[in-house]
Protein backbone atom coordinates (compact mmCIF):
# COMPACT_ATOMS: atom_id res chain seq x y z
CA MET A 1 82.29 95.91 65.88
CA GLU A 2 83.39 98.42 68.51
CA MET A 3 80.03 98.14 70.26
CA ILE A 4 80.56 94.39 70.79
CA VAL A 5 84.01 94.99 72.27
CA VAL A 6 82.66 97.66 74.63
CA ALA A 7 79.75 95.47 75.69
CA ASP A 8 82.09 92.52 76.29
CA ALA A 9 84.45 94.67 78.38
CA ALA A 10 81.53 96.03 80.41
CA GLU A 11 80.24 92.51 81.02
CA GLN A 12 83.66 91.34 82.23
CA ALA A 13 84.03 94.38 84.49
CA GLY A 14 80.58 93.77 85.95
CA ALA A 15 81.42 90.13 86.64
CA LEU A 16 84.65 91.12 88.39
CA VAL A 17 82.88 93.73 90.53
CA GLY A 18 80.20 91.19 91.40
CA ARG A 19 82.80 88.67 92.55
CA LEU A 20 84.71 91.22 94.59
CA LEU A 21 81.63 92.80 96.19
CA LEU A 22 81.15 90.06 98.79
CA PRO A 23 84.73 90.09 100.13
CA VAL A 24 84.73 93.91 100.25
CA LEU A 25 81.46 93.91 102.20
CA GLY A 26 82.98 91.35 104.57
CA ILE A 27 86.04 93.53 105.16
CA VAL A 28 83.78 96.50 105.94
CA LEU A 29 81.91 94.41 108.53
CA VAL A 30 85.18 93.26 110.12
CA VAL A 31 86.35 96.87 110.39
CA LEU A 32 83.06 97.96 111.92
CA GLY A 33 83.24 95.10 114.41
CA ASN A 34 86.78 96.07 115.37
CA ARG A 35 85.70 99.66 115.94
CA ARG A 36 82.84 98.49 118.14
CA ARG A 37 85.20 96.25 120.13
CA ALA A 38 87.59 99.15 120.66
CA ALA A 39 84.72 101.36 121.84
CA ALA A 40 83.53 98.65 124.23
CA ARG A 41 87.01 98.39 125.77
CA ARG A 42 87.13 102.13 126.42
CA SER A 43 83.65 102.30 127.94
CA PRO A 44 83.04 101.50 131.63
CA VAL A 45 79.50 100.41 130.74
CA PRO A 46 79.07 96.92 129.21
CA GLN A 47 78.52 97.20 125.47
CA SER A 48 78.35 95.00 122.42
CA THR A 49 81.81 93.82 121.43
CA GLY A 50 80.99 93.54 117.72
CA LYS A 51 81.91 89.85 117.60
CA GLY A 52 78.92 89.04 115.42
CA LEU A 53 79.97 91.68 112.89
CA ARG A 54 83.52 90.37 112.80
CA VAL A 55 82.49 86.73 112.42
CA THR A 56 79.93 87.56 109.73
CA GLY A 57 82.52 89.68 107.92
CA TRP A 58 85.11 86.89 107.90
CA VAL A 59 82.53 84.40 106.68
CA LEU A 60 81.65 86.72 103.79
CA VAL A 61 85.33 87.20 102.94
CA VAL A 62 86.02 83.46 102.91
CA VAL A 63 82.89 82.61 100.91
CA GLY A 64 83.59 85.41 98.41
CA VAL A 65 87.22 84.41 97.87
CA LEU A 66 86.38 80.71 97.56
CA GLY A 67 83.60 81.56 95.10
CA ALA A 68 85.98 83.66 93.01
CA LEU A 69 88.61 80.92 93.02
CA ALA A 70 86.02 78.31 92.09
CA ALA A 71 84.99 80.49 89.15
CA GLY A 72 88.59 80.59 88.00
CA VAL A 73 89.22 84.26 88.74
CA SER A 74 92.17 85.26 90.87
CA THR A 75 91.53 88.17 93.26
CA ALA A 76 95.26 88.97 93.52
CA PRO A 77 96.40 92.09 91.70
């Protein structure tokens, strides 16, 4: 009986991590893009501004949150 409870809890935890993985990855990309933009502003030489990373990150965040809400799981603590 305990084994079923543990397996069920592990399955639920895995599902939650899977739903939160996409928004977390998106936030990491946004942060990396912001760092690249800050570095480009400081440099006298033209550099990549990281806009692609930021846009891709925000798309992943929005898609991940909408997917979690569509599945009926709130991402709020």
